[in-house]
């Protein structure tokens, strides 16, 4: 039984082959695209469970593919791990701001380590599907709301930096702690679905 479908969007055949073999051997179905345009078409048409996305792609670079994934209603929740030779902090920051779930630099991680990242991310997605979450609106006039905004660096209030739409604070029960009611939280945009 397949653990899920993973799309590898990578222009170098050698890298595609390495990750293809590791993933297939671990029970995943694998699709491959060799450029950004083909990658985006496959995401739209097949809705894989996760995308491994190179940044330096011909036709349409990885940043643009990621932007399309996050801006499209039917694909915006698909987990994306960027993997690239680009390791500069500005590239990492840009990828994460565009909505990547994780980022790895080729040569810094073995295929097995990347497989571990994939498993962790797919487990998180599966757990989230089966857990009730609670969305709360923040009242900006309250003193604590202003402190929280400053603490986490939201420069435009509690509005999504991309859509300018009010965000909600989404809470997920944390079942690891057993005394009291503990939650993990993030802000989520009601329009584009990006989290912060």
C-alpha atoms as a PDB file:
ATOM      1  CA  UNK A   1       0.000   0.000   0.000  1.00  0.00           C
ATOM      2  CA  UNK A   2       1.366   3.433  -0.985  1.00  0.00           C
ATOM      3  CA  UNK A   3       2.262   5.943   1.723  1.00  0.00           C
ATOM      4  CA  UNK A   4       1.310   8.771  -0.639  1.00  0.00           C
ATOM      5  CA  UNK A   5       2.372  10.476  -3.851  1.00  0.00           C
ATOM      6  CA  UNK A   6       5.383  12.775  -3.982  1.00  0.00           C
ATOM      7  CA  UNK A   7       6.211  15.028  -6.909  1.00  0.00           C
ATOM      8  CA  UNK A   8       9.894  15.776  -7.513  1.00  0.00           C
ATOM      9  CA  UNK A   9      10.380  18.972  -9.517  1.00  0.00           C
ATOM     10  CA  UNK A  10      14.077  18.959 -10.459  1.00  0.00           C
ATOM     11  CA  UNK A  11      15.898  19.661 -13.714  1.00  0.00           C
ATOM     12  CA  UNK A  12      18.910  17.411 -13.006  1.00  0.00           C
ATOM     13  CA  UNK A  13      18.168  13.808 -13.883  1.00  0.00           C
ATOM     14  CA  UNK A  14      20.778  12.434 -11.458  1.00  0.00           C
ATOM     15  CA  UNK A  15      19.107  14.113  -8.461  1.00  0.00           C
ATOM     16  CA  UNK A  16      15.670  12.974  -9.607  1.00  0.00           C
ATOM     17  CA  UNK A  17      16.892   9.378  -9.891  1.00  0.00           C
ATOM     18  CA  UNK A  18      18.471   9.381  -6.405  1.00  0.00           C
ATOM     19  CA  UNK A  19      15.352  10.732  -4.668  1.00  0.00           C
ATOM     20  CA  UNK A  20      13.027   8.642  -6.818  1.00  0.00           C
ATOM     21  CA  UNK A  21      14.758   5.414  -5.766  1.00  0.00           C
ATOM     22  CA  UNK A  22      14.880   6.318  -2.050  1.00  0.00           C
ATOM     23  CA  UNK A  23      11.193   7.283  -1.992  1.00  0.00           C
ATOM     24  CA  UNK A  24       9.947   4.285  -4.012  1.00  0.00           C
ATOM     25  CA  UNK A  25      11.954   1.912  -1.802  1.00  0.00           C
ATOM     26  CA  UNK A  26      10.227   3.442   1.229  1.00  0.00           C
ATOM     27  CA  UNK A  27       6.721   2.893  -0.200  1.00  0.00           C
ATOM     28  CA  UNK A  28       5.869   6.210  -1.855  1.00  0.00           C
ATOM     29  CA  UNK A  29       4.552   6.724  -5.368  1.00  0.00           C
ATOM     30  CA  UNK A  30       6.749   9.214  -7.211  1.00  0.00           C
ATOM     31  CA  UNK A  31       6.051  11.583 -10.086  1.00  0.00           C
ATOM     32  CA  UNK A  32       8.761  13.672 -11.740  1.00  0.00           C
ATOM     33  CA  UNK A  33       8.901  16.993 -13.549  1.00  0.00           C
ATOM     34  CA  UNK A  34      12.042  18.411 -15.142  1.00  0.00           C
ATOM     35  CA  UNK A  35      11.106  22.095 -15.247  1.00  0.00           C
ATOM     36  CA  UNK A  36       8.891  24.578 -13.433  1.00  0.00           C
ATOM     37  CA  UNK A  37       6.113  24.746 -16.022  1.00  0.00           C
ATOM     38  CA  UNK A  38       5.738  20.951 -16.109  1.00  0.00           C
ATOM     39  CA  UNK A  39       5.949  20.844 -12.304  1.00  0.00           C
ATOM     40  CA  UNK A  40       3.138  23.352 -11.823  1.00  0.00           C
ATOM     41  CA  UNK A  41       0.943  21.510 -14.371  1.00  0.00           C
ATOM     42  CA  UNK A  42       1.488  18.229 -12.500  1.00  0.00           C
ATOM     43  CA  UNK A  43       0.660  19.837  -9.144  1.00  0.00           C
ATOM     44  CA  UNK A  44      -2.585  21.253 -10.602  1.00  0.00           C
ATOM     45  CA  UNK A  45      -3.627  18.063 -12.375  1.00  0.00           C
ATOM     46  CA  UNK A  46      -2.529  15.378  -9.892  1.00  0.00           C
ATOM     47  CA  UNK A  47      -2.577  17.086  -6.441  1.00  0.00           C
ATOM     48  CA  UNK A  48       0.350  15.111  -4.941  1.00  0.00           C
ATOM     49  CA  UNK A  49       0.589  14.660  -1.178  1.00  0.00           C
ATOM     50  CA  UNK A  50       3.913  16.543  -1.082  1.00  0.00           C
ATOM     51  CA  UNK A  51       6.210  18.414  -3.477  1.00  0.00           C
ATOM     52  CA  UNK A  52      10.019  18.360  -3.447  1.00  0.00           C
ATOM     53  CA  UNK A  53      10.835  21.558  -5.314  1.00  0.00           C
ATOM     54  CA  UNK A  54      14.155  22.733  -6.725  1.00  0.00           C
ATOM     55  CA  UNK A  55      14.622  26.510  -6.991  1.00  0.00           C
ATOM     56  CA  UNK A  56      16.898  26.769 -10.033  1.00  0.00           C
ATOM     57  CA  UNK A  57      14.504  25.455 -12.666  1.00  0.00           C
ATOM     58  CA  UNK A  58      14.273  26.317 -16.371  1.00  0.00           C
ATOM     59  CA  UNK A  59      11.082  27.874 -17.710  1.00  0.00           C
ATOM     60  CA  UNK A  60       9.643  28.882 -14.346  1.00  0.00           C
ATOM     61  CA  UNK A  61      11.850  29.003 -11.256  1.00  0.00           C
ATOM     62  CA  UNK A  62      10.968  27.266  -7.999  1.00  0.00           C
ATOM     63  CA  UNK A  63       9.891  30.485  -6.281  1.00  0.00           C
ATOM     64  CA  UNK A  64       7.313  31.093  -9.008  1.00  0.00           C
ATOM     65  CA  UNK A  65       6.075  27.490  -8.843  1.00  0.00           C
ATOM     66  CA  UNK A  66       5.717  27.807  -5.065  1.00  0.00           C
ATOM     67  CA  UNK A  67       3.793  31.068  -5.454  1.00  0.00           C
ATOM     68  CA  UNK A  68       1.379  29.381  -7.896  1.00  0.00           C
ATOM     69  CA  UNK A  69       0.902  26.444  -5.489  1.00  0.00           C
ATOM     70  CA  UNK A  70       0.060  28.744  -2.572  1.00  0.00           C
ATOM     71  CA  UNK A  71      -2.153  31.099  -4.601  1.00  0.00           C
ATOM     72  CA  UNK A  72      -4.320  28.326  -6.099  1.00  0.00           C
ATOM     73  CA  UNK A  73      -7.280  27.193  -3.960  1.00  0.00           C
ATOM     74  CA  UNK A  74      -6.983  23.478  -4.685  1.00  0.00           C
ATOM     75  CA  UNK A  75      -3.217  23.269  -4.129  1.00  0.00           C
ATOM     76  CA  UNK A  76      -2.479  25.811  -1.401  1.00  0.00           C
ATOM     77  CA  UNK A  77      -2.440  23.200   1.390  1.00  0.00           C
ATOM     78  CA  UNK A  78      -0.005  20.787  -0.326  1.00  0.00           C
ATOM     79  CA  UNK A  79       3.218  20.581   1.723  1.00  0.00           C
ATOM     80  CA  UNK A  80       6.330  21.795  -0.123  1.00  0.00           C
ATOM     81  CA  UNK A  81       9.958  21.126   0.727  1.00  0.00           C
ATOM     82  CA  UNK A  82      12.374  23.272  -1.229  1.00  0.00           C
ATOM     83  CA  UNK A  83      15.689  21.639  -2.009  1.00  0.00           C
ATOM     84  CA  UNK A  84      18.320  23.536  -3.869  1.00  0.00           C
ATOM     85  CA  UNK A  85      21.992  24.363  -4.191  1.00  0.00           C
ATOM     86  CA  UNK A  86      21.020  27.893  -3.209  1.00  0.00           C
ATOM     87  CA  UNK A  87      21.802  28.112   0.488  1.00  0.00           C
ATOM     88  CA  UNK A  88      21.902  31.842   1.064  1.00  0.00           C
ATOM     89  CA  UNK A  89      19.793  33.166   3.929  1.00  0.00           C
ATOM     90  CA  UNK A  90      17.814  35.462   1.608  1.00  0.00           C
ATOM     91  CA  UNK A  91      16.767  32.454  -0.521  1.00  0.00           C
ATOM     92  CA  UNK A  92      15.733  30.477   2.559  1.00  0.00           C
ATOM     93  CA  UNK A  93      13.780  33.477   3.862  1.00  0.00           C
ATOM     94  CA  UNK A  94      12.078  34.084   0.511  1.00  0.00           C
ATOM     95  CA  UNK A  95      11.090  30.407   0.162  1.00  0.00           C
ATOM     96  CA  UNK A  96       9.617  30.283   3.661  1.00  0.00           C
ATOM     97  CA  UNK A  97       7.794  33.606   3.187  1.00  0.00           C
ATOM     98  CA  UNK A  98       6.234  32.243  -0.005  1.00  0.00           C
ATOM     99  CA  UNK A  99       4.881  29.319   2.020  1.00  0.00           C
ATOM    100  CA  UNK A 100       7.431  26.485   1.852  1.00  0.00           C
ATOM    101  CA  UNK A 101       7.036  24.085   4.766  1.00  0.00           C
ATOM    102  CA  UNK A 102      10.737  23.224   4.937  1.00  0.00           C
ATOM    103  CA  UNK A 103      14.005  23.944   3.171  1.00  0.00           C
ATOM    104  CA  UNK A 104      17.029  21.762   2.534  1.00  0.00           C
ATOM    105  CA  UNK A 105      20.289  22.511   0.762  1.00  0.00           C
ATOM    106  CA  UNK A 106      21.682  19.891  -1.620  1.00  0.00           C
ATOM    107  CA  UNK A 107      24.872  18.381  -0.290  1.00  0.00           C
ATOM    108  CA  UNK A 108      24.052  19.319   3.333  1.00  0.00           C
ATOM    109  CA  UNK A 109      21.523  16.502   3.769  1.00  0.00           C
ATOM    110  CA  UNK A 110      21.662  12.897   2.622  1.00  0.00           C
ATOM    111  CA  UNK A 111      18.639  11.486   0.753  1.00  0.00           C
ATOM    112  CA  UNK A 112      17.839   9.514   3.943  1.00  0.00           C
ATOM    113  CA  UNK A 113      17.769  12.728   6.005  1.00  0.00           C
ATOM    114  CA  UNK A 114      15.445  14.328   3.457  1.00  0.00           C
ATOM    115  CA  UNK A 115      13.259  11.191   3.599  1.00  0.00           C
ATOM    116  CA  UNK A 116      13.045  11.727   7.365  1.00  0.00           C
ATOM    117  CA  UNK A 117      11.922  15.342   6.805  1.00  0.00           C
ATOM    118  CA  UNK A 118       9.283  14.109   4.338  1.00  0.00           C
ATOM    119  CA  UNK A 119       7.947  11.530   6.811  1.00  0.00           C
ATOM    120  CA  UNK A 120       7.760  14.099   9.622  1.00  0.00           C
ATOM    121  CA  UNK A 121       5.963  16.623   7.459  1.00  0.00           C
ATOM    122  CA  UNK A 122       3.471  14.071   6.085  1.00  0.00           C
ATOM    123  CA  UNK A 123       2.791  12.856   9.659  1.00  0.00           C
ATOM    124  CA  UNK A 124       2.099  16.437  10.780  1.00  0.00           C
ATOM    125  CA  UNK A 125      -0.350  16.912   7.910  1.00  0.00           C
ATOM    126  CA  UNK A 126      -2.106  13.626   8.754  1.00  0.00           C
ATOM    127  CA  UNK A 127      -2.350  14.507  12.456  1.00  0.00           C
ATOM    128  CA  UNK A 128      -3.797  17.942  11.607  1.00  0.00           C
ATOM    129  CA  UNK A 129      -6.533  16.307   9.504  1.00  0.00           C
ATOM    130  CA  UNK A 130      -7.719  14.314  12.519  1.00  0.00           C
ATOM    131  CA  UNK A 131      -7.469  17.049  15.168  1.00  0.00           C
ATOM    132  CA  UNK A 132      -9.991  19.774  15.843  1.00  0.00           C
ATOM    133  CA  UNK A 133      -8.520  23.242  15.587  1.00  0.00           C
ATOM    134  CA  UNK A 134      -9.966  26.468  16.917  1.00  0.00           C
ATOM    135  CA  UNK A 135      -9.760  29.826  15.135  1.00  0.00           C
ATOM    136  CA  UNK A 136      -9.975  33.032  17.141  1.00  0.00           C
ATOM    137  CA  UNK A 137     -10.094  36.656  16.038  1.00  0.00           C
ATOM    138  CA  UNK A 138      -7.651  39.041  17.714  1.00  0.00           C
ATOM    139  CA  UNK A 139      -9.022  42.331  19.021  1.00  0.00           C
ATOM    140  CA  UNK A 140      -6.279  44.816  18.252  1.00  0.00           C
ATOM    141  CA  UNK A 141      -7.516  47.407  20.733  1.00  0.00           C
ATOM    142  CA  UNK A 142      -6.493  45.196  23.650  1.00  0.00           C
ATOM    143  CA  UNK A 143      -3.097  45.889  25.232  1.00  0.00           C
ATOM    144  CA  UNK A 144      -1.931  42.268  24.932  1.00  0.00           C
ATOM    145  CA  UNK A 145      -2.797  42.191  21.222  1.00  0.00           C
ATOM    146  CA  UNK A 146      -0.413  45.098  20.584  1.00  0.00           C
ATOM    147  CA  UNK A 147       2.333  43.385  22.625  1.00  0.00           C
ATOM    148  CA  UNK A 148       1.831  40.121  20.724  1.00  0.00           C
ATOM    149  CA  UNK A 149       1.956  41.938  17.381  1.00  0.00           C
ATOM    150  CA  UNK A 150       5.276  43.529  18.356  1.00  0.00           C
ATOM    151  CA  UNK A 151       6.675  40.270  19.749  1.00  0.00           C
ATOM    152  CA  UNK A 152       6.109  38.274  16.549  1.00  0.00           C
ATOM    153  CA  UNK A 153       6.922  41.091  14.137  1.00  0.00           C
ATOM    154  CA  UNK A 154       3.612  41.600  12.340  1.00  0.00           C
ATOM    155  CA  UNK A 155       4.197  45.023  10.799  1.00  0.00           C
ATOM    156  CA  UNK A 156       0.721  45.384   9.253  1.00  0.00           C
ATOM    157  CA  UNK A 157      -1.335  44.536  12.337  1.00  0.00           C
ATOM    158  CA  UNK A 158      -3.150  41.230  12.230  1.00  0.00           C
ATOM    159  CA  UNK A 159      -3.569  41.336   8.471  1.00  0.00           C
ATOM    160  CA  UNK A 160      -1.963  38.922   6.016  1.00  0.00           C
ATOM    161  CA  UNK A 161       1.098  40.643   4.483  1.00  0.00           C
ATOM    162  CA  UNK A 162       0.125  39.174   1.081  1.00  0.00           C
ATOM    163  CA  UNK A 163      -3.673  39.720   0.916  1.00  0.00           C
ATOM    164  CA  UNK A 164      -4.248  42.439   3.544  1.00  0.00           C
ATOM    165  CA  UNK A 165      -7.091  40.258   4.940  1.00  0.00           C
ATOM    166  CA  UNK A 166      -7.588  39.825   8.701  1.00  0.00           C
ATOM    167  CA  UNK A 167      -5.920  36.691  10.042  1.00  0.00           C
ATOM    168  CA  UNK A 168      -7.169  34.347  12.756  1.00  0.00           C
ATOM    169  CA  UNK A 169      -5.147  32.715  15.490  1.00  0.00           C
ATOM    170  CA  UNK A 170      -5.491  28.949  14.944  1.00  0.00           C
ATOM    171  CA  UNK A 171      -4.983  26.704  17.977  1.00  0.00           C
ATOM    172  CA  UNK A 172      -4.196  22.979  17.867  1.00  0.00           C
ATOM    173  CA  UNK A 173      -4.415  20.770  20.979  1.00  0.00           C
ATOM    174  CA  UNK A 174      -1.016  19.612  22.216  1.00  0.00           C
ATOM    175  CA  UNK A 175      -1.591  16.075  23.477  1.00  0.00           C
ATOM    176  CA  UNK A 176       2.046  15.557  24.462  1.00  0.00           C
ATOM    177  CA  UNK A 177       1.606  17.562  27.664  1.00  0.00           C
ATOM    178  CA  UNK A 178      -0.740  15.879  30.075  1.00  0.00           C
ATOM    179  CA  UNK A 179      -1.519  18.525  32.719  1.00  0.00           C
ATOM    180  CA  UNK A 180      -3.983  21.240  31.790  1.00  0.00           C
ATOM    181  CA  UNK A 181      -5.024  22.240  28.288  1.00  0.00           C
ATOM    182  CA  UNK A 182      -2.033  23.072  26.077  1.00  0.00           C
ATOM    183  CA  UNK A 183      -2.128  24.288  22.500  1.00  0.00           C
ATOM    184  CA  UNK A 184       0.261  25.133  19.692  1.00  0.00           C
ATOM    185  CA  UNK A 185      -0.726  28.116  17.584  1.00  0.00           C
ATOM    186  CA  UNK A 186      -0.129  30.031  14.380  1.00  0.00           C
ATOM    187  CA  UNK A 187      -1.847  32.810  12.476  1.00  0.00           C
ATOM    188  CA  UNK A 188      -3.714  31.827   9.339  1.00  0.00           C
ATOM    189  CA  UNK A 189      -5.066  33.984   6.525  1.00  0.00           C
ATOM    190  CA  UNK A 190      -8.712  33.296   5.736  1.00  0.00           C
ATOM    191  CA  UNK A 191      -8.207  34.141   2.064  1.00  0.00           C
ATOM    192  CA  UNK A 192      -4.906  32.610   0.891  1.00  0.00           C
ATOM    193  CA  UNK A 193      -4.480  30.061   3.703  1.00  0.00           C
ATOM    194  CA  UNK A 194      -0.871  31.086   4.421  1.00  0.00           C
ATOM    195  CA  UNK A 195       0.287  30.576   7.982  1.00  0.00           C
ATOM    196  CA  UNK A 196       2.582  32.788  10.052  1.00  0.00           C
END
